[in-house]
Amino acid sequence: MANDIENEVGYKKPPKAFQFQKGRSANPSGRPRKVQGIPEMLGTVAKQKVLTNGKNGPQWMTKIEASLTQLINQAASGNLKALDLLAKMMICFPETVKSKDVEDKVTSAKAKLLELLEARYGSSAEGAAERDHPSGQ
């Protein structure tokens, strides 16, 4: 009778010959790895380190840091495409620009504009603005 209980076959009771052996996996190859998508690969490649030569000698930086450094250097040297791309990036990431820096640039630009107007129209830009309007109207 004890022998019948050991050989019983049914729901959740497979025959002894078909049961998993001890120490052997049912899925030896395991679950396949997740295939990386473009965002994951982009993040992995952007974080790779490269050796660059700067003014302080060779230094290590990530590829994304090196790329942004080159973009900003090209924009500063007058490359209009680089300047356009940099402006678009700064619009997308407004937290990169401090409000104090923007205010300083605006006041500097206003001062330069006034200097140009004074140089073009004479002693004062206000007088030039008055000359543009017809008198008596």
N, C-alpha and C. Protein backbone atom coordinates (compact mmCIF):
# COMPACT_ATOMS: atom_id res chain seq x y z
N MET A 1 0.80 -1.17 0.00
CA MET A 1 0.00 0.00 0.00
C MET A 1 0.87 1.26 0.00
N ALA A 2 1.95 1.27 0.75
CA ALA A 2 2.88 2.41 0.75
C ALA A 2 3.51 2.57 -0.62
N ASN A 3 3.68 1.43 -1.31
CA ASN A 3 4.25 1.46 -2.64
C ASN A 3 3.28 2.12 -3.62
N ASP A 4 1.99 1.94 -3.44
CA ASP A 4 1.00 2.57 -4.31
C ASP A 4 1.00 4.09 -4.17
N ILE A 5 1.23 4.60 -2.96
CA ILE A 5 1.24 6.04 -2.74
C ILE A 5 2.44 6.67 -3.43
N GLU A 6 3.59 5.99 -3.42
CA GLU A 6 4.79 6.53 -4.06
C GLU A 6 4.65 6.55 -5.58
N ASN A 7 3.97 5.60 -6.17
CA ASN A 7 3.83 5.50 -7.62
C ASN A 7 2.58 6.17 -8.15
N GLU A 8 1.89 6.89 -7.30
CA GLU A 8 0.65 7.51 -7.71
C GLU A 8 0.95 8.60 -8.75
N VAL A 9 0.21 8.63 -9.84
CA VAL A 9 0.40 9.57 -10.94
C VAL A 9 -0.90 10.33 -11.10
N GLY A 10 -0.80 11.65 -11.32
CA GLY A 10 -2.00 12.46 -11.53
C GLY A 10 -1.63 13.93 -11.58
N TYR A 11 -2.61 14.77 -11.20
CA TYR A 11 -2.41 16.22 -11.24
C TYR A 11 -1.32 16.62 -10.25
N LYS A 12 -0.29 17.30 -10.73
CA LYS A 12 0.87 17.73 -9.97
C LYS A 12 1.66 16.56 -9.39
N LYS A 13 1.54 15.39 -9.97
CA LYS A 13 2.29 14.22 -9.52
C LYS A 13 2.79 13.46 -10.75
N PRO A 14 3.88 13.96 -11.39
CA PRO A 14 4.36 13.28 -12.60
C PRO A 14 5.04 11.96 -12.23
N PRO A 15 5.15 11.05 -13.20
CA PRO A 15 5.86 9.79 -12.93
C PRO A 15 7.31 10.07 -12.55
N LYS A 16 7.92 9.21 -11.74
CA LYS A 16 9.28 9.41 -11.25
C LYS A 16 10.26 9.58 -12.41
N ALA A 17 10.06 8.89 -13.53
CA ALA A 17 11.00 8.95 -14.65
C ALA A 17 11.01 10.34 -15.30
N PHE A 18 9.93 11.10 -15.16
CA PHE A 18 9.83 12.41 -15.82
C PHE A 18 9.98 13.59 -14.87
N GLN A 19 10.25 13.33 -13.59
CA GLN A 19 10.45 14.42 -12.65
C GLN A 19 11.83 15.03 -12.86
N PHE A 20 11.96 16.29 -12.44
CA PHE A 20 13.27 16.96 -12.58
C PHE A 20 14.30 16.26 -11.71
N GLN A 21 15.50 16.09 -12.26
CA GLN A 21 16.59 15.50 -11.49
C GLN A 21 17.19 16.56 -10.58
N LYS A 22 17.70 16.12 -9.44
CA LYS A 22 18.30 17.07 -8.49
C LYS A 22 19.58 17.64 -9.08
N GLY A 23 19.76 18.99 -8.95
CA GLY A 23 20.96 19.65 -9.42
C GLY A 23 20.97 19.96 -10.91
N ARG A 24 19.88 19.69 -11.58
CA ARG A 24 19.81 19.95 -13.02
C ARG A 24 18.64 20.92 -13.28
N SER A 25 18.92 22.00 -14.03
CA SER A 25 17.91 23.02 -14.26
C SER A 25 16.92 22.58 -15.33
N ALA A 26 15.71 23.04 -15.20
CA ALA A 26 14.69 22.74 -16.21
C ALA A 26 14.90 23.62 -17.44
N ASN A 27 15.57 24.75 -17.27
CA ASN A 27 15.83 25.68 -18.37
C ASN A 27 17.32 26.02 -18.37
N PRO A 28 18.17 25.12 -18.93
CA PRO A 28 19.61 25.33 -18.80
C PRO A 28 20.13 26.58 -19.50
N SER A 29 19.52 26.99 -20.60
CA SER A 29 20.01 28.19 -21.29
C SER A 29 19.50 29.47 -20.63
N GLY A 30 18.49 29.39 -19.82
CA GLY A 30 17.96 30.54 -19.10
C GLY A 30 17.15 31.46 -19.99
N ARG A 31 16.69 32.51 -19.39
CA ARG A 31 15.91 33.50 -20.13
C ARG A 31 16.85 34.32 -21.00
N PRO A 32 16.47 34.58 -22.26
CA PRO A 32 17.34 35.38 -23.12
C PRO A 32 17.45 36.82 -22.60
N ARG A 33 18.62 37.43 -22.82
CA ARG A 33 18.82 38.81 -22.38
C ARG A 33 17.97 39.76 -23.20
N LYS A 34 17.62 40.87 -22.56
CA LYS A 34 16.83 41.89 -23.24
C LYS A 34 17.73 42.58 -24.28
N VAL A 35 17.22 42.72 -25.48
CA VAL A 35 17.96 43.38 -26.53
C VAL A 35 17.92 44.89 -26.26
N GLN A 36 19.10 45.53 -26.31
CA GLN A 36 19.16 46.96 -26.04
C GLN A 36 18.53 47.74 -27.18
N GLY A 37 17.75 48.74 -26.82
CA GLY A 37 17.17 49.63 -27.81
C GLY A 37 18.11 50.81 -28.05
N ILE A 38 17.71 51.72 -28.91
CA ILE A 38 18.54 52.87 -29.25
C ILE A 38 18.79 53.77 -28.03
N PRO A 39 17.79 54.08 -27.19
CA PRO A 39 18.07 54.94 -26.04
C PRO A 39 19.11 54.34 -25.08
N GLU A 40 19.03 53.03 -24.84
CA GLU A 40 19.99 52.38 -23.95
C GLU A 40 21.39 52.40 -24.55
N MET A 41 21.49 52.10 -25.86
CA MET A 41 22.80 52.13 -26.52
C MET A 41 23.37 53.54 -26.54
N LEU A 42 22.53 54.55 -26.79
CA LEU A 42 22.98 55.93 -26.81
C LEU A 42 23.54 56.32 -25.44
N GLY A 43 22.83 55.94 -24.39
CA GLY A 43 23.31 56.23 -23.04
C GLY A 43 24.62 55.54 -22.73
N THR A 44 24.76 54.29 -23.18
CA THR A 44 25.99 53.54 -22.93
C THR A 44 27.18 54.17 -23.66
N VAL A 45 26.98 54.51 -24.92
CA VAL A 45 28.08 55.08 -25.71
C VAL A 45 28.42 56.48 -25.21
N ALA A 46 27.42 57.27 -24.81
CA ALA A 46 27.66 58.63 -24.35
C ALA A 46 28.46 58.65 -23.05
N LYS A 47 28.35 57.60 -22.23
CA LYS A 47 29.06 57.54 -20.95
C LYS A 47 30.48 56.99 -21.07
N GLN A 48 30.88 56.54 -22.26
CA GLN A 48 32.24 56.02 -22.43
C GLN A 48 33.23 57.15 -22.26
N LYS A 49 34.39 56.83 -21.70
CA LYS A 49 35.42 57.83 -21.45
C LYS A 49 36.40 57.91 -22.62
N VAL A 50 36.85 59.13 -22.93
CA VAL A 50 37.86 59.36 -23.96
C VAL A 50 38.94 60.27 -23.38
N LEU A 51 40.14 60.16 -23.91
CA LEU A 51 41.25 61.00 -23.48
C LEU A 51 41.34 62.20 -24.41
N THR A 52 41.27 63.40 -23.84
CA THR A 52 41.32 64.61 -24.65
C THR A 52 42.50 65.46 -24.21
N ASN A 53 42.97 66.31 -25.11
CA ASN A 53 44.05 67.24 -24.79
C ASN A 53 43.46 68.62 -24.61
N GLY A 54 43.47 69.11 -23.39
CA GLY A 54 42.96 70.44 -23.09
C GLY A 54 44.09 71.38 -22.76
N LYS A 55 43.74 72.57 -22.30
CA LYS A 55 44.78 73.53 -21.95
C LYS A 55 45.53 73.12 -20.69
N ASN A 56 44.95 72.25 -19.89
CA ASN A 56 45.62 71.74 -18.69
C ASN A 56 46.28 70.40 -18.93
N GLY A 57 46.48 70.03 -20.19
CA GLY A 57 47.08 68.74 -20.52
C GLY A 57 46.02 67.70 -20.79
N PRO A 58 46.45 66.44 -20.95
CA PRO A 58 45.47 65.38 -21.23
C PRO A 58 44.55 65.14 -20.04
N GLN A 59 43.29 64.92 -20.35
CA GLN A 59 42.32 64.62 -19.30
C GLN A 59 41.24 63.70 -19.84
N TRP A 60 40.63 62.94 -18.94
CA TRP A 60 39.57 62.01 -19.31
C TRP A 60 38.23 62.71 -19.15
N MET A 61 37.35 62.51 -20.13
CA MET A 61 35.97 63.01 -20.03
C MET A 61 35.06 62.06 -20.82
N THR A 62 33.77 62.14 -20.55
CA THR A 62 32.84 61.29 -21.27
C THR A 62 32.68 61.82 -22.70
N LYS A 63 32.19 60.96 -23.57
CA LYS A 63 32.01 61.37 -24.96
C LYS A 63 30.99 62.50 -25.08
N ILE A 64 29.96 62.49 -24.24
CA ILE A 64 28.96 63.55 -24.32
C ILE A 64 29.57 64.88 -23.88
N GLU A 65 30.44 64.87 -22.87
CA GLU A 65 31.12 66.09 -22.44
C GLU A 65 32.04 66.61 -23.55
N ALA A 66 32.77 65.69 -24.19
CA ALA A 66 33.67 66.10 -25.27
C ALA A 66 32.88 66.67 -26.45
N SER A 67 31.74 66.06 -26.77
CA SER A 67 30.93 66.54 -27.88
C SER A 67 30.37 67.94 -27.60
N LEU A 68 29.86 68.13 -26.39
CA LEU A 68 29.31 69.45 -26.05
C LEU A 68 30.41 70.51 -26.00
N THR A 69 31.58 70.14 -25.54
CA THR A 69 32.71 71.08 -25.53
C THR A 69 33.06 71.51 -26.95
N GLN A 70 33.12 70.55 -27.87
CA GLN A 70 33.41 70.88 -29.26
C GLN A 70 32.32 71.75 -29.87
N LEU A 71 31.06 71.44 -29.56
CA LEU A 71 29.94 72.23 -30.09
C LEU A 71 30.03 73.68 -29.62
N ILE A 72 30.29 73.87 -28.33
CA ILE A 72 30.36 75.23 -27.79
C ILE A 72 31.57 75.97 -28.36
N ASN A 73 32.69 75.28 -28.53
CA ASN A 73 33.87 75.92 -29.11
C ASN A 73 33.61 76.35 -30.56
N GLN A 74 32.92 75.50 -31.33
CA GLN A 74 32.61 75.85 -32.71
C GLN A 74 31.63 77.03 -32.76
N ALA A 75 30.65 77.03 -31.86
CA ALA A 75 29.69 78.14 -31.82
C ALA A 75 30.40 79.44 -31.46
N ALA A 76 31.36 79.36 -30.54
CA ALA A 76 32.08 80.56 -30.13
C ALA A 76 32.99 81.08 -31.24
N SER A 77 33.44 80.18 -32.11
CA SER A 77 34.33 80.63 -33.19
C SER A 77 33.56 81.16 -34.39
N GLY A 78 32.22 81.10 -34.34
CA GLY A 78 31.43 81.71 -35.41
C GLY A 78 30.74 80.75 -36.35
N ASN A 79 30.78 79.46 -36.07
CA ASN A 79 30.09 78.48 -36.91
C ASN A 79 28.58 78.64 -36.68
N LEU A 80 27.86 79.08 -37.69
CA LEU A 80 26.44 79.39 -37.52
C LEU A 80 25.59 78.15 -37.27
N LYS A 81 25.93 77.03 -37.89
CA LYS A 81 25.17 75.80 -37.65
C LYS A 81 25.34 75.34 -36.20
N ALA A 82 26.55 75.42 -35.69
CA ALA A 82 26.79 75.04 -34.30
C ALA A 82 26.07 76.00 -33.36
N LEU A 83 26.08 77.28 -33.68
CA LEU A 83 25.40 78.28 -32.85
C LEU A 83 23.89 78.04 -32.84
N ASP A 84 23.32 77.69 -34.00
CA ASP A 84 21.89 77.39 -34.09
C ASP A 84 21.54 76.17 -33.25
N LEU A 85 22.35 75.12 -33.37
CA LEU A 85 22.10 73.90 -32.59
C LEU A 85 22.23 74.18 -31.10
N LEU A 86 23.23 74.96 -30.71
CA LEU A 86 23.42 75.29 -29.30
C LEU A 86 22.23 76.10 -28.78
N ALA A 87 21.75 77.04 -29.57
CA ALA A 87 20.59 77.84 -29.15
C ALA A 87 19.36 76.96 -28.97
N LYS A 88 19.15 76.04 -29.90
CA LYS A 88 18.00 75.12 -29.78
C LYS A 88 18.12 74.25 -28.54
N MET A 89 19.34 73.79 -28.24
CA MET A 89 19.53 72.96 -27.05
C MET A 89 19.26 73.76 -25.78
N MET A 90 19.68 75.02 -25.77
CA MET A 90 19.45 75.85 -24.58
C MET A 90 17.97 76.17 -24.41
N ILE A 91 17.23 76.24 -25.51
CA ILE A 91 15.79 76.45 -25.40
C ILE A 91 15.13 75.20 -24.83
N CYS A 92 15.61 74.02 -25.25
CA CYS A 92 15.04 72.76 -24.74
C CYS A 92 15.38 72.54 -23.27
N PHE A 93 16.54 73.06 -22.83
CA PHE A 93 16.98 72.86 -21.45
C PHE A 93 17.22 74.23 -20.80
N PRO A 94 16.14 74.94 -20.44
CA PRO A 94 16.31 76.30 -19.92
C PRO A 94 17.03 76.35 -18.57
N GLU A 95 17.08 75.23 -17.86
CA GLU A 95 17.77 75.23 -16.57
C GLU A 95 19.28 75.38 -16.71
N THR A 96 19.81 75.23 -17.94
CA THR A 96 21.25 75.39 -18.15
C THR A 96 21.67 76.84 -18.17
N VAL A 97 20.72 77.76 -18.37
CA VAL A 97 21.03 79.18 -18.45
C VAL A 97 20.52 79.86 -17.18
N LYS A 98 21.41 80.57 -16.48
CA LYS A 98 21.02 81.28 -15.27
C LYS A 98 20.38 82.61 -15.65
N SER A 99 19.36 83.01 -14.91
CA SER A 99 18.64 84.24 -15.24
C SER A 99 19.55 85.46 -15.11
N LYS A 100 20.50 85.45 -14.18
CA LYS A 100 21.42 86.58 -14.03
C LYS A 100 22.28 86.74 -15.28
N ASP A 101 22.74 85.60 -15.84
CA ASP A 101 23.54 85.66 -17.06
C ASP A 101 22.74 86.26 -18.21
N VAL A 102 21.47 85.88 -18.32
CA VAL A 102 20.61 86.39 -19.39
C VAL A 102 20.43 87.90 -19.22
N GLU A 103 20.18 88.37 -17.98
CA GLU A 103 20.01 89.79 -17.74
C GLU A 103 21.28 90.57 -18.10
N ASP A 104 22.44 90.02 -17.73
CA ASP A 104 23.70 90.68 -18.07
C ASP A 104 23.88 90.78 -19.58
N LYS A 105 23.54 89.72 -20.30
CA LYS A 105 23.68 89.72 -21.76
C LYS A 105 22.72 90.74 -22.39
N VAL A 106 21.50 90.84 -21.85
CA VAL A 106 20.52 91.77 -22.41
C VAL A 106 20.98 93.21 -22.21
N THR A 107 21.46 93.54 -21.01
CA THR A 107 21.92 94.91 -20.77
C THR A 107 23.14 95.22 -21.62
N SER A 108 24.01 94.24 -21.78
CA SER A 108 25.19 94.42 -22.64
C SER A 108 24.77 94.65 -24.09
N ALA A 109 23.79 93.88 -24.55
CA ALA A 109 23.31 94.02 -25.93
C ALA A 109 22.64 95.38 -26.13
N LYS A 110 21.88 95.85 -25.12
CA LYS A 110 21.24 97.17 -25.22
C LYS A 110 22.29 98.26 -25.30
N ALA A 111 23.34 98.14 -24.50
CA ALA A 111 24.40 99.15 -24.51
C ALA A 111 25.09 99.18 -25.87
N LYS A 112 25.38 98.03 -26.42
CA LYS A 112 26.02 97.97 -27.74
C LYS A 112 25.11 98.55 -28.82
N LEU A 113 23.83 98.26 -28.73
CA LEU A 113 22.88 98.79 -29.70
C LEU A 113 22.81 100.31 -29.63
N LEU A 114 22.78 100.86 -28.41
CA LEU A 114 22.77 102.31 -28.25
C LEU A 114 24.05 102.93 -28.81
N GLU A 115 25.19 102.28 -28.59
CA GLU A 115 26.44 102.80 -29.13
C GLU A 115 26.40 102.83 -30.66
N LEU A 116 25.87 101.76 -31.25
CA LEU A 116 25.78 101.72 -32.71
C LEU A 116 24.84 102.79 -33.25
N LEU A 117 23.72 103.00 -32.56
CA LEU A 117 22.78 104.03 -32.99
C LEU A 117 23.39 105.42 -32.86
N GLU A 118 24.12 105.66 -31.77
CA GLU A 118 24.76 106.95 -31.59
C GLU A 118 25.82 107.18 -32.66
N ALA A 119 26.56 106.14 -33.00
CA ALA A 119 27.59 106.28 -34.02
C ALA A 119 26.97 106.56 -35.38
N ARG A 120 25.82 105.98 -35.63
CA ARG A 120 25.20 106.14 -36.94
C ARG A 120 24.46 107.46 -37.08
N TYR A 121 23.71 107.84 -36.05
CA TYR A 121 22.83 109.00 -36.17
C TYR A 121 23.34 110.25 -35.47
N GLY A 122 24.48 110.21 -34.91
CA GLY A 122 24.99 111.42 -34.29
C GLY A 122 25.14 111.28 -32.80
N SER A 123 24.94 112.40 -32.10
CA SER A 123 25.28 112.44 -30.68
C SER A 123 24.34 111.62 -29.80
N SER A 124 23.06 111.52 -30.15
CA SER A 124 22.17 110.73 -29.29
C SER A 124 21.21 109.91 -30.14
N ALA A 125 20.92 108.72 -29.66
CA ALA A 125 19.99 107.84 -30.37
C ALA A 125 18.57 108.37 -30.25
N GLU A 126 18.28 109.10 -29.17
CA GLU A 126 16.93 109.65 -28.99
C GLU A 126 16.65 110.70 -30.05
N GLY A 127 17.63 111.53 -30.34
CA GLY A 127 17.47 112.54 -31.37
C GLY A 127 17.24 111.91 -32.72
N ALA A 128 17.89 110.78 -32.96
CA ALA A 128 17.70 110.07 -34.23
C ALA A 128 16.29 109.52 -34.32
N ALA A 129 15.77 109.08 -33.19
CA ALA A 129 14.42 108.55 -33.20
C ALA A 129 13.42 109.66 -33.46
N GLU A 130 13.70 110.88 -32.95
CA GLU A 130 12.80 112.00 -33.17
C GLU A 130 12.82 112.46 -34.62
N ARG A 131 13.97 112.38 -35.28
CA ARG A 131 14.07 112.79 -36.67
C ARG A 131 13.28 111.89 -37.61
N ASP A 132 13.08 110.63 -37.22
CA ASP A 132 12.34 109.70 -38.06
C ASP A 132 10.86 110.06 -38.13
N HIS A 133 10.33 110.70 -37.06
CA HIS A 133 8.91 111.05 -37.06
C HIS A 133 8.72 112.41 -37.71
N PRO A 134 7.72 112.55 -38.60
CA PRO A 134 7.45 113.86 -39.20
C PRO A 134 6.96 114.83 -38.15
N SER A 135 7.42 116.08 -38.19
CA SER A 135 7.03 117.06 -37.19
C SER A 135 5.63 117.59 -37.47
N GLY A 136 4.92 117.91 -36.40
CA GLY A 136 3.60 118.50 -36.53
C GLY A 136 2.49 117.47 -36.77
N GLN A 137 2.75 116.22 -36.64
CA GLN A 137 1.67 115.24 -36.84
C GLN A 137 1.49 114.39 -35.64
